[in-house]
Amino acid sequence: MPPKPVEIGKEYEVEIQETSRRGEGIARIEGLVTFVPNTKPGDHVRIKITKISRRCAEGEVVTSTPTETAETEETEET
């Protein structure tokens, strides 16, 4: 079995691509499915890997890149 492209405790920049049946966001790191709770498709986040299993990994959000920052600033100026 080839080594996994991720390591527990390391951080990775990912884009959430879809939602799992459990409601977690799904990102792929070099093809490895990675579940990230409290995210949705389109989110760009930095995650820390918390668990690696045979066919997938799990991570938690460290920081997120806000996608609505410009819209929020325009609203506040009014």
PDB file of N, CA and C in Angstrom:
ATOM      1  N   MET A   1       0.845  -1.180   0.000  1.00  0.00           N
ATOM      2  CA  MET A   1       0.000   0.000   0.000  1.00  0.00           C
ATOM      3  C   MET A   1       0.890   1.244   0.000  1.00  0.00           C
ATOM      4  N   PRO A   2       0.646   2.188  -0.927  1.00  0.00           N
ATOM      5  CA  PRO A   2       1.491   3.383  -1.000  1.00  0.00           C
ATOM      6  C   PRO A   2       1.273   4.292   0.200  1.00  0.00           C
ATOM      7  N   PRO A   3       2.258   5.137   0.526  1.00  0.00           N
ATOM      8  CA  PRO A   3       2.101   6.059   1.666  1.00  0.00           C
ATOM      9  C   PRO A   3       1.013   7.091   1.377  1.00  0.00           C
ATOM     10  N   LYS A   4       0.394   7.590   2.424  1.00  0.00           N
ATOM     11  CA  LYS A   4      -0.658   8.605   2.293  1.00  0.00           C
ATOM     12  C   LYS A   4      -0.017   9.962   1.980  1.00  0.00           C
ATOM     13  N   PRO A   5      -0.732  10.815   1.215  1.00  0.00           N
ATOM     14  CA  PRO A   5      -0.176  12.135   0.875  1.00  0.00           C
ATOM     15  C   PRO A   5      -0.291  13.154   2.004  1.00  0.00           C
ATOM     16  N   VAL A   6      -0.816  12.732   3.159  1.00  0.00           N
ATOM     17  CA  VAL A   6      -0.958  13.644   4.301  1.00  0.00           C
ATOM     18  C   VAL A   6      -0.371  13.014   5.556  1.00  0.00           C
ATOM     19  N   GLU A   7      -0.104  13.844   6.570  1.00  0.00           N
ATOM     20  CA  GLU A   7       0.400  13.364   7.855  1.00  0.00           C
ATOM     21  C   GLU A   7      -0.412  13.986   8.973  1.00  0.00           C
ATOM     22  N   ILE A   8      -0.663  13.227  10.034  1.00  0.00           N
ATOM     23  CA  ILE A   8      -1.394  13.745  11.186  1.00  0.00           C
ATOM     24  C   ILE A   8      -0.630  14.926  11.783  1.00  0.00           C
ATOM     25  N   GLY A   9      -1.376  16.004  12.060  1.00  0.00           N
ATOM     26  CA  GLY A   9      -0.776  17.192  12.662  1.00  0.00           C
ATOM     27  C   GLY A   9      -0.302  18.230  11.664  1.00  0.00           C
ATOM     28  N   LYS A  10      -0.141  17.850  10.390  1.00  0.00           N
ATOM     29  CA  LYS A  10       0.300  18.819   9.380  1.00  0.00           C
ATOM     30  C   LYS A  10      -0.887  19.604   8.854  1.00  0.00           C
ATOM     31  N   GLU A  11      -0.599  20.813   8.358  1.00  0.00           N
ATOM     32  CA  GLU A  11      -1.645  21.695   7.841  1.00  0.00           C
ATOM     33  C   GLU A  11      -1.592  21.760   6.319  1.00  0.00           C
ATOM     34  N   TYR A  12      -2.782  21.891   5.706  1.00  0.00           N
ATOM     35  CA  TYR A  12      -2.910  21.923   4.249  1.00  0.00           C
ATOM     36  C   TYR A  12      -3.960  22.948   3.857  1.00  0.00           C
ATOM     37  N   GLU A  13      -3.719  23.645   2.737  1.00  0.00           N
ATOM     38  CA  GLU A  13      -4.699  24.559   2.158  1.00  0.00           C
ATOM     39  C   GLU A  13      -5.574  23.736   1.224  1.00  0.00           C
ATOM     40  N   VAL A  14      -6.901  23.786   1.424  1.00  0.00           N
ATOM     41  CA  VAL A  14      -7.798  22.992   0.588  1.00  0.00           C
ATOM     42  C   VAL A  14      -9.020  23.801   0.185  1.00  0.00           C
ATOM     43  N   GLU A  15      -9.683  23.326  -0.859  1.00  0.00           N
ATOM     44  CA  GLU A  15     -10.993  23.858  -1.250  1.00  0.00           C
ATOM     45  C   GLU A  15     -11.997  22.742  -1.043  1.00  0.00           C
ATOM     46  N   ILE A  16     -13.085  23.059  -0.352  1.00  0.00           N
ATOM     47  CA  ILE A  16     -14.137  22.074  -0.123  1.00  0.00           C
ATOM     48  C   ILE A  16     -14.909  21.914  -1.433  1.00  0.00           C
ATOM     49  N   GLN A  17     -15.036  20.664  -1.893  1.00  0.00           N
ATOM     50  CA  GLN A  17     -15.627  20.416  -3.198  1.00  0.00           C
ATOM     51  C   GLN A  17     -17.059  19.906  -3.140  1.00  0.00           C
ATOM     52  N   GLU A  18     -17.407  19.192  -2.086  1.00  0.00           N
ATOM     53  CA  GLU A  18     -18.760  18.656  -1.973  1.00  0.00           C
ATOM     54  C   GLU A  18     -19.080  18.371  -0.514  1.00  0.00           C
ATOM     55  N   THR A  19     -20.302  17.869  -0.270  1.00  0.00           N
ATOM     56  CA  THR A  19     -20.747  17.578   1.090  1.00  0.00           C
ATOM     57  C   THR A  19     -20.995  16.083   1.230  1.00  0.00           C
ATOM     58  N   SER A  20     -20.563  15.516   2.357  1.00  0.00           N
ATOM     59  CA  SER A  20     -20.769  14.090   2.603  1.00  0.00           C
ATOM     60  C   SER A  20     -22.192  13.835   3.087  1.00  0.00           C
ATOM     61  N   ARG A  21     -22.556  12.571   3.186  1.00  0.00           N
ATOM     62  CA  ARG A  21     -23.876  12.202   3.705  1.00  0.00           C
ATOM     63  C   ARG A  21     -24.046  12.655   5.153  1.00  0.00           C
ATOM     64  N   ARG A  22     -22.931  12.765   5.877  1.00  0.00           N
ATOM     65  CA  ARG A  22     -22.985  13.194   7.279  1.00  0.00           C
ATOM     66  C   ARG A  22     -23.003  14.715   7.409  1.00  0.00           C
ATOM     67  N   GLY A  23     -22.908  15.434   6.274  1.00  0.00           N
ATOM     68  CA  GLY A  23     -22.954  16.888   6.303  1.00  0.00           C
ATOM     69  C   GLY A  23     -21.595  17.563   6.407  1.00  0.00           C
ATOM     70  N   GLU A  24     -20.526  16.775   6.380  1.00  0.00           N
ATOM     71  CA  GLU A  24     -19.176  17.355   6.442  1.00  0.00           C
ATOM     72  C   GLU A  24     -18.738  17.756   5.040  1.00  0.00           C
ATOM     73  N   GLY A  25     -17.858  18.746   4.981  1.00  0.00           N
ATOM     74  CA  GLY A  25     -17.279  19.124   3.706  1.00  0.00           C
ATOM     75  C   GLY A  25     -16.259  18.076   3.280  1.00  0.00           C
ATOM     76  N   ILE A  26     -16.101  17.921   1.962  1.00  0.00           N
ATOM     77  CA  ILE A  26     -15.126  16.970   1.425  1.00  0.00           C
ATOM     78  C   ILE A  26     -14.125  17.723   0.564  1.00  0.00           C
ATOM     79  N   ALA A  27     -12.847  17.537   0.876  1.00  0.00           N
ATOM     80  CA  ALA A  27     -11.751  18.066   0.067  1.00  0.00           C
ATOM     81  C   ALA A  27     -10.919  16.866  -0.374  1.00  0.00           C
ATOM     82  N   ARG A  28     -10.133  17.048  -1.407  1.00  0.00           N
ATOM     83  CA  ARG A  28      -9.230  15.988  -1.843  1.00  0.00           C
ATOM     84  C   ARG A  28      -7.809  16.534  -1.828  1.00  0.00           C
ATOM     85  N   ILE A  29      -6.927  15.791  -1.187  1.00  0.00           N
ATOM     86  CA  ILE A  29      -5.517  16.155  -1.137  1.00  0.00           C
ATOM     87  C   ILE A  29      -4.772  15.062  -1.891  1.00  0.00           C
ATOM     88  N   GLU A  30      -4.283  15.414  -3.077  1.00  0.00           N
ATOM     89  CA  GLU A  30      -3.619  14.448  -3.964  1.00  0.00           C
ATOM     90  C   GLU A  30      -4.477  13.195  -4.118  1.00  0.00           C
ATOM     91  N   GLY A  31      -5.796  13.395  -4.270  1.00  0.00           N
ATOM     92  CA  GLY A  31      -6.717  12.289  -4.495  1.00  0.00           C
ATOM     93  C   GLY A  31      -7.284  11.654  -3.236  1.00  0.00           C
ATOM     94  N   LEU A  32      -6.712  11.922  -2.079  1.00  0.00           N
ATOM     95  CA  LEU A  32      -7.196  11.337  -0.829  1.00  0.00           C
ATOM     96  C   LEU A  32      -8.396  12.132  -0.321  1.00  0.00           C
ATOM     97  N   VAL A  33      -9.539  11.460  -0.154  1.00  0.00           N
ATOM     98  CA  VAL A  33     -10.739  12.102   0.364  1.00  0.00           C
ATOM     99  C   VAL A  33     -10.483  12.526   1.804  1.00  0.00           C
ATOM    100  N   THR A  34     -10.772  13.796   2.086  1.00  0.00           N
ATOM    101  CA  THR A  34     -10.540  14.350   3.419  1.00  0.00           C
ATOM    102  C   THR A  34     -11.814  15.027   3.892  1.00  0.00           C
ATOM    103  N   PHE A  35     -12.355  14.552   5.014  1.00  0.00           N
ATOM    104  CA  PHE A  35     -13.580  15.099   5.579  1.00  0.00           C
ATOM    105  C   PHE A  35     -13.250  16.251   6.517  1.00  0.00           C
ATOM    106  N   VAL A  36     -13.998  17.366   6.352  1.00  0.00           N
ATOM    107  CA  VAL A  36     -13.750  18.557   7.169  1.00  0.00           C
ATOM    108  C   VAL A  36     -15.096  19.066   7.708  1.00  0.00           C
ATOM    109  N   PRO A  37     -15.360  18.870   9.008  1.00  0.00           N
ATOM    110  CA  PRO A  37     -16.628  19.333   9.584  1.00  0.00           C
ATOM    111  C   PRO A  37     -16.783  20.849   9.519  1.00  0.00           C
ATOM    112  N   ASN A  38     -18.028  21.294   9.541  1.00  0.00           N
ATOM    113  CA  ASN A  38     -18.377  22.726   9.583  1.00  0.00           C
ATOM    114  C   ASN A  38     -17.888  23.509   8.368  1.00  0.00           C
ATOM    115  N   THR A  39     -17.899  22.866   7.207  1.00  0.00           N
ATOM    116  CA  THR A  39     -17.538  23.549   5.964  1.00  0.00           C
ATOM    117  C   THR A  39     -18.580  23.222   4.907  1.00  0.00           C
ATOM    118  N   LYS A  40     -18.534  23.975   3.804  1.00  0.00           N
ATOM    119  CA  LYS A  40     -19.460  23.737   2.705  1.00  0.00           C
ATOM    120  C   LYS A  40     -18.726  23.899   1.380  1.00  0.00           C
ATOM    121  N   PRO A  41     -19.278  23.360   0.292  1.00  0.00           N
ATOM    122  CA  PRO A  41     -18.610  23.483  -0.999  1.00  0.00           C
ATOM    123  C   PRO A  41     -18.288  24.932  -1.345  1.00  0.00           C
ATOM    124  N   GLY A  42     -17.078  25.144  -1.845  1.00  0.00           N
ATOM    125  CA  GLY A  42     -16.622  26.483  -2.208  1.00  0.00           C
ATOM    126  C   GLY A  42     -15.764  27.135  -1.144  1.00  0.00           C
ATOM    127  N   ASP A  43     -15.789  26.606   0.075  1.00  0.00           N
ATOM    128  CA  ASP A  43     -14.955  27.169   1.144  1.00  0.00           C
ATOM    129  C   ASP A  43     -13.482  26.897   0.858  1.00  0.00           C
ATOM    130  N   HIS A  44     -12.640  27.903   1.059  1.00  0.00           N
ATOM    131  CA  HIS A  44     -11.187  27.748   0.979  1.00  0.00           C
ATOM    132  C   HIS A  44     -10.686  27.829   2.416  1.00  0.00           C
ATOM    133  N   VAL A  45     -10.131  26.727   2.911  1.00  0.00           N
ATOM    134  CA  VAL A  45      -9.733  26.676   4.315  1.00  0.00           C
ATOM    135  C   VAL A  45      -8.356  26.051   4.487  1.00  0.00           C
ATOM    136  N   ARG A  46      -7.736  26.371   5.608  1.00  0.00           N
ATOM    137  CA  ARG A  46      -6.489  25.715   6.011  1.00  0.00           C
ATOM    138  C   ARG A  46      -6.890  24.728   7.089  1.00  0.00           C
ATOM    139  N   ILE A  47      -6.536  23.453   6.892  1.00  0.00           N
ATOM    140  CA  ILE A  47      -6.940  22.425   7.837  1.00  0.00           C
ATOM    141  C   ILE A  47      -5.732  21.731   8.451  1.00  0.00           C
ATOM    142  N   LYS A  48      -5.951  21.151   9.616  1.00  0.00           N
ATOM    143  CA  LYS A  48      -4.943  20.317  10.264  1.00  0.00           C
ATOM    144  C   LYS A  48      -5.502  18.899  10.270  1.00  0.00           C
ATOM    145  N   ILE A  49      -4.719  17.935   9.807  1.00  0.00           N
ATOM    146  CA  ILE A  49      -5.146  16.537   9.751  1.00  0.00           C
ATOM    147  C   ILE A  49      -5.197  15.967  11.167  1.00  0.00           C
ATOM    148  N   THR A  50      -6.351  15.381  11.507  1.00  0.00           N
ATOM    149  CA  THR A  50      -6.537  14.826  12.846  1.00  0.00           C
ATOM    150  C   THR A  50      -6.612  13.305  12.864  1.00  0.00           C
ATOM    151  N   LYS A  51      -6.921  12.711  11.705  1.00  0.00           N
ATOM    152  CA  LYS A  51      -7.065  11.255  11.651  1.00  0.00           C
ATOM    153  C   LYS A  51      -6.835  10.785  10.219  1.00  0.00           C
ATOM    154  N   ILE A  52      -6.150   9.659  10.080  1.00  0.00           N
ATOM    155  CA  ILE A  52      -5.937   9.060   8.764  1.00  0.00           C
ATOM    156  C   ILE A  52      -6.371   7.598   8.850  1.00  0.00           C
ATOM    157  N   SER A  53      -7.229   7.190   7.915  1.00  0.00           N
ATOM    158  CA  SER A  53      -7.626   5.785   7.865  1.00  0.00           C
ATOM    159  C   SER A  53      -7.211   5.212   6.513  1.00  0.00           C
ATOM    160  N   ARG A  54      -7.603   4.000   6.249  1.00  0.00           N
ATOM    161  CA  ARG A  54      -7.159   3.314   5.042  1.00  0.00           C
ATOM    162  C   ARG A  54      -7.530   4.050   3.756  1.00  0.00           C
ATOM    163  N   ARG A  55      -8.763   4.587   3.687  1.00  0.00           N
ATOM    164  CA  ARG A  55      -9.215   5.201   2.443  1.00  0.00           C
ATOM    165  C   ARG A  55      -9.513   6.691   2.523  1.00  0.00           C
ATOM    166  N   CYS A  56      -9.373   7.299   3.701  1.00  0.00           N
ATOM    167  CA  CYS A  56      -9.696   8.724   3.824  1.00  0.00           C
ATOM    168  C   CYS A  56      -8.955   9.332   5.014  1.00  0.00           C
ATOM    169  N   ALA A  57      -9.155  10.638   5.173  1.00  0.00           N
ATOM    170  CA  ALA A  57      -8.556  11.357   6.301  1.00  0.00           C
ATOM    171  C   ALA A  57      -9.607  12.307   6.849  1.00  0.00           C
ATOM    172  N   GLU A  58      -9.362  12.820   8.037  1.00  0.00           N
ATOM    173  CA  GLU A  58     -10.230  13.824   8.642  1.00  0.00           C
ATOM    174  C   GLU A  58      -9.369  14.987   9.093  1.00  0.00           C
ATOM    175  N   GLY A  59      -9.924  16.191   8.979  1.00  0.00           N
ATOM    176  CA  GLY A  59      -9.185  17.368   9.404  1.00  0.00           C
ATOM    177  C   GLY A  59     -10.100  18.371  10.063  1.00  0.00           C
ATOM    178  N   GLU A  60      -9.496  19.333  10.760  1.00  0.00           N
ATOM    179  CA  GLU A  60     -10.272  20.401  11.376  1.00  0.00           C
ATOM    180  C   GLU A  60      -9.782  21.732  10.833  1.00  0.00           C
ATOM    181  N   VAL A  61     -10.696  22.688  10.731  1.00  0.00           N
ATOM    182  CA  VAL A  61     -10.360  23.999  10.183  1.00  0.00           C
ATOM    183  C   VAL A  61      -9.446  24.750  11.148  1.00  0.00           C
ATOM    184  N   VAL A  62      -8.347  25.267  10.612  1.00  0.00           N
ATOM    185  CA  VAL A  62      -7.431  26.109  11.381  1.00  0.00           C
ATOM    186  C   VAL A  62      -7.773  27.567  11.087  1.00  0.00           C
ATOM    187  N   THR A  63      -7.864  27.912   9.803  1.00  0.00           N
ATOM    188  CA  THR A  63      -8.287  29.250   9.376  1.00  0.00           C
ATOM    189  C   THR A  63      -9.085  29.117   8.096  1.00  0.00           C
ATOM    190  N   SER A  64      -9.955  30.071   7.852  1.00  0.00           N
ATOM    191  CA  SER A  64     -10.719  30.059   6.612  1.00  0.00           C
ATOM    192  C   SER A  64     -10.457  31.354   5.867  1.00  0.00           C
ATOM    193  N   THR A  65     -10.599  31.291   4.561  1.00  0.00           N
ATOM    194  CA  THR A  65     -10.439  32.465   3.721  1.00  0.00           C
ATOM    195  C   THR A  65     -11.833  32.995   3.443  1.00  0.00           C
ATOM    196  N   PRO A  66     -12.199  34.144   4.014  1.00  0.00           N
ATOM    197  CA  PRO A  66     -13.556  34.653   3.802  1.00  0.00           C
ATOM    198  C   PRO A  66     -13.793  34.982   2.340  1.00  0.00           C
ATOM    199  N   THR A  67     -14.911  34.505   1.814  1.00  0.00           N
ATOM    200  CA  THR A  67     -15.241  34.758   0.411  1.00  0.00           C
ATOM    201  C   THR A  67     -16.184  35.948   0.277  1.00  0.00           C
ATOM    202  N   GLU A  68     -16.751  36.412   1.383  1.00  0.00           N
ATOM    203  CA  GLU A  68     -17.716  37.497   1.317  1.00  0.00           C
ATOM    204  C   GLU A  68     -17.176  38.793   1.934  1.00  0.00           C
ATOM    205  N   THR A  69     -15.883  38.917   2.117  1.00  0.00           N
ATOM    206  CA  THR A  69     -15.296  40.090   2.761  1.00  0.00           C
ATOM    207  C   THR A  69     -15.636  41.373   2.007  1.00  0.00           C
ATOM    208  N   ALA A  70     -15.484  41.374   0.695  1.00  0.00           N
ATOM    209  CA  ALA A  70     -15.746  42.578  -0.100  1.00  0.00           C
ATOM    210  C   ALA A  70     -17.206  42.986   0.019  1.00  0.00           C
ATOM    211  N   GLU A  71     -18.130  42.038  -0.017  1.00  0.00           N
ATOM    212  CA  GLU A  71     -19.550  42.357   0.094  1.00  0.00           C
ATOM    213  C   GLU A  71     -19.857  42.949   1.467  1.00  0.00           C
ATOM    214  N   THR A  72     -19.276  42.423   2.520  1.00  0.00           N
ATOM    215  CA  THR A  72     -19.507  42.910   3.875  1.00  0.00           C
ATOM    216  C   THR A  72     -19.013  44.347   4.015  1.00  0.00           C
ATOM    217  N   GLU A  73     -17.841  44.654   3.475  1.00  0.00           N
ATOM    218  CA  GLU A  73     -17.282  45.996   3.571  1.00  0.00           C
ATOM    219  C   GLU A  73     -18.163  47.012   2.854  1.00  0.00           C
ATOM    220  N   GLU A  74     -18.703  46.649   1.684  1.00  0.00           N
ATOM    221  CA  GLU A  74     -19.565  47.560   0.939  1.00  0.00           C
ATOM    222  C   GLU A  74     -20.842  47.852   1.741  1.00  0.00           C
ATOM    223  N   THR A  75     -21.401  46.867   2.389  1.00  0.00           N
ATOM    224  CA  THR A  75     -22.616  47.042   3.170  1.00  0.00           C
ATOM    225  C   THR A  75     -22.374  47.960   4.355  1.00  0.00           C
ATOM    226  N   GLU A  76     -21.229  47.836   5.028  1.00  0.00           N
ATOM    227  CA  GLU A  76     -20.926  48.638   6.206  1.00  0.00           C
ATOM    228  C   GLU A  76     -20.729  50.104   5.879  1.00  0.00           C
ATOM    229  N   GLU A  77     -20.305  50.432   4.651  1.00  0.00           N
ATOM    230  CA  GLU A  77     -20.080  51.816   4.255  1.00  0.00           C
ATOM    231  C   GLU A  77     -21.375  52.597   4.100  1.00  0.00           C
ATOM    232  N   THR A  78     -22.456  51.943   3.862  1.00  0.00           N
ATOM    233  CA  THR A  78     -23.736  52.581   3.592  1.00  0.00           C
ATOM    234  C   THR A  78     -24.316  53.269   4.784  1.00  0.00           C
TER     235      THR A  78
END
